[in-house]
N, C-alpha and C. Protein backbone atom coordinates (compact mmCIF):
# COMPACT_ATOMS: atom_id res chain seq x y z
N MET A 1 0.86 -1.18 0.00
CA MET A 1 0.00 0.00 0.00
C MET A 1 0.90 1.23 0.00
N ARG A 2 0.55 2.17 -0.85
CA ARG A 2 1.27 3.45 -0.87
C ARG A 2 0.61 4.34 0.17
N THR A 3 1.41 5.02 1.00
CA THR A 3 0.84 5.77 2.12
C THR A 3 0.81 7.28 1.93
N ASN A 4 1.54 7.82 0.95
CA ASN A 4 1.60 9.26 0.75
C ASN A 4 1.90 9.97 2.07
N PRO A 5 3.10 9.80 2.63
CA PRO A 5 3.45 10.33 3.95
C PRO A 5 3.24 11.85 4.05
N MET A 6 2.68 12.26 5.19
CA MET A 6 2.44 13.68 5.46
C MET A 6 2.86 13.97 6.89
N SER A 7 3.27 15.22 7.14
CA SER A 7 3.60 15.62 8.50
C SER A 7 2.31 15.82 9.29
N GLU A 8 2.42 15.89 10.59
CA GLU A 8 1.24 16.12 11.44
C GLU A 8 0.57 17.44 11.08
N GLN A 9 1.37 18.47 10.82
CA GLN A 9 0.82 19.77 10.44
C GLN A 9 0.06 19.68 9.11
N GLU A 10 0.62 18.98 8.13
CA GLU A 10 -0.06 18.81 6.84
C GLU A 10 -1.39 18.07 7.01
N LEU A 11 -1.39 17.06 7.86
CA LEU A 11 -2.62 16.31 8.12
C LEU A 11 -3.68 17.18 8.77
N GLN A 12 -3.27 18.02 9.74
CA GLN A 12 -4.21 18.92 10.42
C GLN A 12 -4.79 19.93 9.43
N GLU A 13 -3.94 20.48 8.56
CA GLU A 13 -4.41 21.44 7.57
C GLU A 13 -5.40 20.79 6.60
N GLU A 14 -5.08 19.58 6.17
CA GLU A 14 -5.97 18.88 5.24
C GLU A 14 -7.29 18.52 5.92
N ALA A 15 -7.24 18.12 7.18
CA ALA A 15 -8.46 17.73 7.90
C ALA A 15 -9.38 18.92 8.13
N SER A 16 -8.82 20.13 8.26
CA SER A 16 -9.65 21.30 8.51
C SER A 16 -9.96 22.05 7.22
N ASN A 17 -9.69 21.46 6.10
CA ASN A 17 -9.83 22.10 4.80
C ASN A 17 -11.27 21.94 4.29
N VAL A 18 -12.20 22.66 4.89
CA VAL A 18 -13.60 22.60 4.46
C VAL A 18 -13.98 23.91 3.80
N LEU A 19 -14.90 23.82 2.87
CA LEU A 19 -15.40 25.01 2.20
C LEU A 19 -16.50 25.64 3.05
N PRO A 20 -16.61 26.96 3.06
CA PRO A 20 -17.71 27.61 3.79
C PRO A 20 -19.06 27.21 3.18
N ASP A 21 -20.13 27.30 3.97
CA ASP A 21 -21.48 27.06 3.45
C ASP A 21 -21.66 27.90 2.19
N GLY A 22 -22.22 27.31 1.15
CA GLY A 22 -22.45 28.08 -0.07
C GLY A 22 -22.67 27.21 -1.28
N ASP A 23 -22.74 27.85 -2.44
CA ASP A 23 -23.00 27.18 -3.71
C ASP A 23 -21.71 27.10 -4.51
N TYR A 24 -21.44 25.92 -5.08
CA TYR A 24 -20.18 25.66 -5.78
C TYR A 24 -20.43 24.86 -7.05
N ASP A 25 -19.49 24.99 -8.00
CA ASP A 25 -19.49 24.14 -9.18
C ASP A 25 -18.95 22.77 -8.79
N PHE A 26 -19.45 21.72 -9.44
CA PHE A 26 -18.96 20.38 -9.16
C PHE A 26 -18.88 19.56 -10.44
N LEU A 27 -18.10 18.48 -10.36
CA LEU A 27 -18.00 17.46 -11.40
C LEU A 27 -18.06 16.11 -10.70
N VAL A 28 -18.86 15.18 -11.23
CA VAL A 28 -18.92 13.83 -10.66
C VAL A 28 -17.72 13.07 -11.21
N SER A 29 -16.74 12.79 -10.34
CA SER A 29 -15.54 12.07 -10.79
C SER A 29 -15.72 10.57 -10.70
N ALA A 30 -16.63 10.09 -9.86
CA ALA A 30 -16.92 8.65 -9.76
C ALA A 30 -18.33 8.46 -9.23
N ALA A 31 -18.96 7.39 -9.67
CA ALA A 31 -20.31 7.04 -9.20
C ALA A 31 -20.41 5.52 -9.16
N ARG A 32 -20.73 4.99 -7.98
CA ARG A 32 -20.81 3.54 -7.80
C ARG A 32 -22.19 3.16 -7.27
N GLU A 33 -22.76 2.14 -7.87
CA GLU A 33 -24.04 1.63 -7.39
C GLU A 33 -23.76 0.71 -6.21
N LYS A 34 -24.52 0.93 -5.14
CA LYS A 34 -24.34 0.17 -3.90
C LYS A 34 -25.70 -0.09 -3.27
N THR A 35 -25.67 -0.76 -2.13
CA THR A 35 -26.86 -0.95 -1.31
C THR A 35 -26.59 -0.28 0.02
N SER A 36 -27.56 0.53 0.49
CA SER A 36 -27.37 1.24 1.77
C SER A 36 -27.46 0.25 2.92
N SER A 37 -27.08 0.70 4.10
CA SER A 37 -27.16 -0.16 5.29
C SER A 37 -28.60 -0.54 5.61
N SER A 38 -29.57 0.24 5.09
CA SER A 38 -31.00 -0.06 5.29
C SER A 38 -31.54 -0.97 4.19
N GLY A 39 -30.68 -1.36 3.25
CA GLY A 39 -31.10 -2.24 2.17
C GLY A 39 -31.67 -1.52 0.96
N ASN A 40 -31.54 -0.19 0.90
CA ASN A 40 -32.04 0.57 -0.24
C ASN A 40 -30.98 0.69 -1.33
N GLU A 41 -31.41 0.74 -2.58
CA GLU A 41 -30.49 0.99 -3.68
C GLU A 41 -29.97 2.41 -3.55
N MET A 42 -28.69 2.60 -3.89
CA MET A 42 -28.14 3.95 -3.85
C MET A 42 -26.99 4.06 -4.83
N ILE A 43 -26.65 5.31 -5.14
CA ILE A 43 -25.48 5.62 -5.95
C ILE A 43 -24.58 6.50 -5.10
N GLU A 44 -23.36 6.00 -4.85
CA GLU A 44 -22.37 6.78 -4.10
C GLU A 44 -21.63 7.67 -5.10
N LEU A 45 -21.65 8.97 -4.85
CA LEU A 45 -21.01 9.94 -5.75
C LEU A 45 -19.74 10.49 -5.11
N VAL A 46 -18.70 10.61 -5.91
CA VAL A 46 -17.51 11.34 -5.50
C VAL A 46 -17.52 12.61 -6.35
N LEU A 47 -17.71 13.74 -5.68
CA LEU A 47 -17.79 15.03 -6.36
C LEU A 47 -16.47 15.77 -6.22
N GLU A 48 -16.03 16.35 -7.30
CA GLU A 48 -14.91 17.27 -7.27
C GLU A 48 -15.57 18.65 -7.22
N VAL A 49 -15.47 19.32 -6.06
CA VAL A 49 -16.12 20.61 -5.85
C VAL A 49 -15.06 21.69 -5.93
N TYR A 50 -15.36 22.75 -6.68
CA TYR A 50 -14.37 23.79 -6.97
C TYR A 50 -14.66 25.08 -6.21
N ASP A 51 -13.63 25.59 -5.51
CA ASP A 51 -13.78 26.85 -4.80
C ASP A 51 -13.63 28.02 -5.78
N SER A 52 -13.68 29.25 -5.27
CA SER A 52 -13.65 30.44 -6.13
C SER A 52 -12.33 30.58 -6.89
N GLU A 53 -11.28 29.92 -6.42
CA GLU A 53 -9.98 29.97 -7.09
C GLU A 53 -9.79 28.81 -8.06
N GLY A 54 -10.81 27.96 -8.19
CA GLY A 54 -10.73 26.82 -9.10
C GLY A 54 -10.06 25.59 -8.52
N LYS A 55 -9.75 25.62 -7.22
CA LYS A 55 -9.12 24.48 -6.57
C LYS A 55 -10.20 23.45 -6.23
N GLY A 56 -9.96 22.20 -6.61
CA GLY A 56 -10.93 21.14 -6.38
C GLY A 56 -10.74 20.42 -5.06
N ARG A 57 -11.85 20.04 -4.47
CA ARG A 57 -11.84 19.24 -3.24
C ARG A 57 -12.88 18.15 -3.39
N GLN A 58 -12.59 16.98 -2.85
CA GLN A 58 -13.54 15.88 -2.97
C GLN A 58 -14.57 15.92 -1.85
N VAL A 59 -15.82 15.70 -2.25
CA VAL A 59 -16.94 15.60 -1.32
C VAL A 59 -17.75 14.38 -1.75
N TRP A 60 -18.11 13.54 -0.79
CA TRP A 60 -18.92 12.36 -1.09
C TRP A 60 -20.38 12.67 -0.84
N ASP A 61 -21.23 12.07 -1.67
CA ASP A 61 -22.68 12.17 -1.48
C ASP A 61 -23.31 10.86 -1.92
N TRP A 62 -24.54 10.65 -1.48
CA TRP A 62 -25.25 9.41 -1.77
C TRP A 62 -26.65 9.74 -2.24
N LEU A 63 -27.01 9.20 -3.40
CA LEU A 63 -28.37 9.30 -3.92
C LEU A 63 -29.05 8.00 -3.53
N VAL A 64 -30.08 8.10 -2.68
CA VAL A 64 -30.68 6.91 -2.09
C VAL A 64 -32.14 6.78 -2.50
N ASP A 65 -32.51 5.56 -2.90
CA ASP A 65 -33.90 5.23 -3.17
C ASP A 65 -34.56 4.97 -1.81
N SER A 66 -35.26 5.97 -1.32
CA SER A 66 -35.81 5.94 0.04
C SER A 66 -37.30 6.22 0.01
N THR A 67 -37.95 5.93 1.12
CA THR A 67 -39.37 6.27 1.25
C THR A 67 -39.55 7.67 1.83
N HIS A 68 -38.46 8.32 2.23
CA HIS A 68 -38.53 9.65 2.81
C HIS A 68 -38.45 10.73 1.73
N ALA A 69 -39.10 11.85 1.94
CA ALA A 69 -39.21 12.91 0.95
C ALA A 69 -37.86 13.59 0.65
N LEU A 70 -37.04 13.88 1.65
CA LEU A 70 -35.80 14.63 1.41
C LEU A 70 -34.81 13.87 0.52
N PRO A 71 -34.55 12.58 0.76
CA PRO A 71 -33.67 11.87 -0.17
C PRO A 71 -34.25 11.78 -1.58
N LYS A 72 -35.56 11.62 -1.69
CA LYS A 72 -36.20 11.59 -3.01
C LYS A 72 -36.02 12.93 -3.72
N MET A 73 -36.15 14.02 -2.97
CA MET A 73 -35.99 15.36 -3.53
C MET A 73 -34.56 15.55 -4.03
N LYS A 74 -33.57 15.08 -3.25
CA LYS A 74 -32.18 15.24 -3.64
C LYS A 74 -31.89 14.49 -4.94
N VAL A 75 -32.44 13.28 -5.10
CA VAL A 75 -32.24 12.52 -6.34
C VAL A 75 -32.82 13.28 -7.52
N ARG A 76 -34.04 13.78 -7.37
CA ARG A 76 -34.68 14.53 -8.46
C ARG A 76 -33.88 15.78 -8.80
N HIS A 77 -33.45 16.51 -7.78
CA HIS A 77 -32.70 17.74 -8.02
C HIS A 77 -31.35 17.46 -8.68
N PHE A 78 -30.69 16.35 -8.29
CA PHE A 78 -29.45 15.97 -8.94
C PHE A 78 -29.70 15.70 -10.43
N CYS A 79 -30.73 14.94 -10.73
CA CYS A 79 -31.04 14.60 -12.13
C CYS A 79 -31.39 15.85 -12.93
N ARG A 80 -32.16 16.75 -12.35
CA ARG A 80 -32.51 18.00 -13.04
C ARG A 80 -31.26 18.83 -13.28
N CYS A 81 -30.40 18.94 -12.29
CA CYS A 81 -29.17 19.72 -12.37
C CYS A 81 -28.23 19.18 -13.44
N CYS A 82 -28.18 17.86 -13.60
CA CYS A 82 -27.20 17.22 -14.48
C CYS A 82 -27.78 16.78 -15.82
N GLY A 83 -29.03 17.16 -16.11
CA GLY A 83 -29.61 16.79 -17.39
C GLY A 83 -29.99 15.33 -17.49
N LEU A 84 -30.36 14.72 -16.39
CA LEU A 84 -30.72 13.29 -16.36
C LEU A 84 -32.20 13.06 -16.07
N MET A 85 -33.04 14.06 -16.36
CA MET A 85 -34.46 13.91 -16.05
C MET A 85 -35.12 12.78 -16.84
N GLU A 86 -34.66 12.53 -18.05
CA GLU A 86 -35.24 11.44 -18.84
C GLU A 86 -35.01 10.10 -18.13
N ALA A 87 -33.79 9.87 -17.65
CA ALA A 87 -33.48 8.64 -16.92
C ALA A 87 -34.27 8.58 -15.61
N TYR A 88 -34.37 9.73 -14.93
CA TYR A 88 -35.12 9.79 -13.67
C TYR A 88 -36.58 9.42 -13.89
N GLU A 89 -37.20 10.06 -14.88
CA GLU A 89 -38.62 9.83 -15.12
C GLU A 89 -38.90 8.43 -15.67
N ALA A 90 -37.89 7.80 -16.30
CA ALA A 90 -38.04 6.43 -16.78
C ALA A 90 -37.71 5.42 -15.68
N ASP A 91 -37.36 5.93 -14.47
CA ASP A 91 -36.99 5.08 -13.33
C ASP A 91 -35.82 4.18 -13.70
N ASN A 92 -34.80 4.79 -14.35
CA ASN A 92 -33.70 4.01 -14.88
C ASN A 92 -32.37 4.75 -14.74
N LEU A 93 -32.07 5.25 -13.55
CA LEU A 93 -30.83 5.98 -13.30
C LEU A 93 -29.77 5.00 -12.84
N ASP A 94 -28.56 5.09 -13.42
CA ASP A 94 -27.47 4.24 -12.94
C ASP A 94 -26.20 5.07 -12.79
N GLY A 95 -25.21 4.49 -12.13
CA GLY A 95 -23.98 5.20 -11.83
C GLY A 95 -23.22 5.68 -13.05
N LEU A 96 -23.20 4.87 -14.11
CA LEU A 96 -22.46 5.26 -15.32
C LEU A 96 -23.02 6.54 -15.92
N GLN A 97 -24.33 6.73 -15.84
CA GLN A 97 -24.93 7.96 -16.38
C GLN A 97 -24.49 9.19 -15.59
N CYS A 98 -24.15 9.00 -14.32
CA CYS A 98 -23.80 10.12 -13.45
C CYS A 98 -22.35 10.59 -13.63
N GLU A 99 -21.46 9.67 -13.96
CA GLU A 99 -20.04 10.02 -14.07
C GLU A 99 -19.83 11.07 -15.15
N GLY A 100 -19.01 12.06 -14.82
CA GLY A 100 -18.68 13.13 -15.76
C GLY A 100 -19.69 14.25 -15.81
N LYS A 101 -20.82 14.11 -15.12
CA LYS A 101 -21.82 15.17 -15.11
C LYS A 101 -21.35 16.30 -14.19
N SER A 102 -21.83 17.49 -14.45
CA SER A 102 -21.43 18.64 -13.65
C SER A 102 -22.61 19.56 -13.43
N GLY A 103 -22.45 20.47 -12.48
CA GLY A 103 -23.51 21.41 -12.17
C GLY A 103 -23.15 22.24 -10.96
N LYS A 104 -24.17 22.68 -10.25
CA LYS A 104 -23.99 23.49 -9.03
C LYS A 104 -24.54 22.70 -7.85
N VAL A 105 -23.83 22.82 -6.73
CA VAL A 105 -24.21 22.12 -5.51
C VAL A 105 -24.19 23.10 -4.35
N ARG A 106 -25.10 22.92 -3.41
CA ARG A 106 -25.12 23.72 -2.18
C ARG A 106 -24.51 22.87 -1.07
N LEU A 107 -23.42 23.37 -0.49
CA LEU A 107 -22.73 22.67 0.59
C LEU A 107 -22.99 23.34 1.93
N ILE A 108 -22.99 22.51 2.96
CA ILE A 108 -23.02 23.01 4.34
C ILE A 108 -21.87 22.34 5.09
N ILE A 109 -21.53 22.89 6.25
CA ILE A 109 -20.50 22.30 7.10
C ILE A 109 -21.20 21.50 8.19
N GLU A 110 -20.67 20.32 8.43
CA GLU A 110 -21.26 19.41 9.42
C GLU A 110 -20.14 18.86 10.30
N LYS A 111 -20.44 18.67 11.58
CA LYS A 111 -19.47 18.04 12.49
C LYS A 111 -19.55 16.53 12.33
N SER A 112 -18.38 15.89 12.35
CA SER A 112 -18.33 14.43 12.29
C SER A 112 -17.38 13.94 13.37
N ASP A 113 -17.23 12.63 13.47
CA ASP A 113 -16.30 12.06 14.45
C ASP A 113 -14.86 12.47 14.17
N TYR A 114 -14.59 12.89 12.93
CA TYR A 114 -13.23 13.24 12.53
C TYR A 114 -13.03 14.74 12.38
N GLY A 115 -13.97 15.55 12.87
CA GLY A 115 -13.86 17.00 12.75
C GLY A 115 -14.94 17.54 11.83
N LEU A 116 -14.68 18.69 11.24
CA LEU A 116 -15.65 19.32 10.36
C LEU A 116 -15.51 18.75 8.95
N LYS A 117 -16.64 18.64 8.24
CA LYS A 117 -16.60 18.19 6.86
C LYS A 117 -17.74 18.86 6.10
N ASN A 118 -17.62 18.88 4.78
CA ASN A 118 -18.70 19.41 3.94
C ASN A 118 -19.70 18.30 3.65
N ARG A 119 -20.96 18.71 3.56
CA ARG A 119 -22.03 17.79 3.19
C ARG A 119 -22.90 18.47 2.15
N VAL A 120 -23.40 17.68 1.21
CA VAL A 120 -24.27 18.22 0.17
C VAL A 120 -25.66 18.45 0.76
N ARG A 121 -26.11 19.69 0.67
CA ARG A 121 -27.46 20.04 1.12
C ARG A 121 -28.46 19.83 -0.02
N ASP A 122 -28.06 20.25 -1.25
CA ASP A 122 -28.97 20.11 -2.39
C ASP A 122 -28.19 20.37 -3.67
N TYR A 123 -28.82 20.01 -4.77
CA TYR A 123 -28.29 20.29 -6.11
C TYR A 123 -29.14 21.39 -6.72
N LEU A 124 -28.50 22.32 -7.41
CA LEU A 124 -29.18 23.50 -7.91
C LEU A 124 -29.27 23.49 -9.43
N SER A 125 -30.30 24.14 -9.94
CA SER A 125 -30.50 24.19 -11.38
C SER A 125 -31.07 25.54 -11.76
N ASP A 126 -30.72 26.01 -12.96
CA ASP A 126 -31.32 27.24 -13.48
C ASP A 126 -32.76 27.00 -13.89
N GLU A 127 -33.09 25.75 -14.16
CA GLU A 127 -34.43 25.39 -14.62
C GLU A 127 -35.31 24.99 -13.43
N GLN A 128 -35.43 25.88 -12.46
CA GLN A 128 -36.25 25.57 -11.29
C GLN A 128 -37.69 25.33 -11.72
N GLU A 129 -38.22 24.23 -11.27
CA GLU A 129 -39.59 23.89 -11.62
C GLU A 129 -40.55 24.78 -10.85
N GLN A 130 -41.58 25.20 -11.52
CA GLN A 130 -42.58 26.05 -10.89
C GLN A 130 -43.75 25.19 -10.40
N ALA A 131 -44.05 25.30 -9.14
CA ALA A 131 -45.23 24.62 -8.62
C ALA A 131 -46.45 25.36 -9.15
N PRO A 132 -47.54 24.64 -9.44
CA PRO A 132 -48.73 25.35 -9.91
C PRO A 132 -49.18 26.37 -8.87
N PRO A 133 -49.57 27.56 -9.31
CA PRO A 133 -49.98 28.58 -8.33
C PRO A 133 -51.22 28.12 -7.57
N LYS A 134 -51.23 28.46 -6.30
CA LYS A 134 -52.40 28.13 -5.49
C LYS A 134 -53.55 29.06 -5.87
N GLU A 135 -54.72 28.48 -5.89
CA GLU A 135 -55.90 29.29 -6.23
C GLU A 135 -56.20 30.19 -5.05
N LYS A 136 -56.25 31.48 -5.35
CA LYS A 136 -56.51 32.45 -4.28
C LYS A 136 -57.99 32.77 -4.24
N LYS A 137 -58.50 32.85 -3.04
CA LYS A 137 -59.89 33.25 -2.86
C LYS A 137 -59.94 34.77 -2.77
N PRO A 138 -60.96 35.38 -3.36
CA PRO A 138 -61.05 36.84 -3.24
C PRO A 138 -61.28 37.22 -1.78
N PRO A 139 -60.74 38.38 -1.37
CA PRO A 139 -60.92 38.78 0.03
C PRO A 139 -62.40 39.07 0.30
N LYS A 140 -62.78 38.79 1.53
CA LYS A 140 -64.16 39.07 1.93
C LYS A 140 -64.35 40.58 1.99
N PRO A 141 -65.52 41.06 1.54
CA PRO A 141 -65.77 42.51 1.62
C PRO A 141 -65.81 42.95 3.08
N ARG A 142 -65.25 44.10 3.32
CA ARG A 142 -65.21 44.64 4.68
C ARG A 142 -66.55 45.27 4.99
N GLN A 143 -67.09 44.89 6.11
CA GLN A 143 -68.39 45.43 6.50
C GLN A 143 -68.19 46.48 7.58
N VAL A 144 -68.82 47.61 7.36
CA VAL A 144 -68.74 48.70 8.33
C VAL A 144 -70.02 48.69 9.13
N LYS A 145 -69.87 48.66 10.44
CA LYS A 145 -71.05 48.66 11.30
C LYS A 145 -71.38 50.10 11.68
N PRO A 146 -72.59 50.48 11.41
CA PRO A 146 -72.98 51.87 11.79
C PRO A 146 -73.02 52.02 13.30
N GLU A 147 -72.68 53.22 13.74
CA GLU A 147 -72.76 53.53 15.16
C GLU A 147 -74.09 54.21 15.42
N GLY A 148 -74.82 53.67 16.30
CA GLY A 148 -76.13 54.27 16.62
C GLY A 148 -77.06 54.24 15.41
N ASP A 149 -77.75 55.37 15.15
CA ASP A 149 -78.71 55.47 14.06
C ASP A 149 -78.09 56.07 12.80
N GLU A 150 -76.81 56.39 12.84
CA GLU A 150 -76.21 57.04 11.68
C GLU A 150 -75.92 56.04 10.56
N VAL A 151 -76.08 56.49 9.33
CA VAL A 151 -75.77 55.68 8.16
C VAL A 151 -74.33 56.01 7.78
N PRO A 152 -73.48 55.01 7.51
CA PRO A 152 -72.06 55.24 7.32
C PRO A 152 -71.68 55.84 5.97
N PHE A 153 -72.61 56.43 5.16
CA PHE A 153 -72.20 57.04 3.88
C PHE A 153 -72.83 58.33 3.66
């Protein structure tokens, strides 16, 4: 095994090398189909996320076939962001389709057992889908109550 030796200071700098909360460009450098610990199908993504200076950092994310709304939303948003809506809507997304795709990602900082790390909050797209507008009811007419015997007009 090659170890790529580093000094303690280099290791500390690398371990604390997280990006601030925000939106970044990314490229999917690897995507592997796996099964989650809960038995759900998932795609493990290795993202190369670029800071404002163009320096890349790796961030891992997982697209999970879940019964919960938030993981489902993340899968849909990833597909919309990366131009994979046809595969999404055909219920036929696989890891090979994900590799090499790029877009925008929203990162947050999260504490872990090993210190701070970046986590994917969501995938962003210029083609934000519009929810159908809610039907608005007209406001109720305001009724003025007369005081005493006077007519209010």
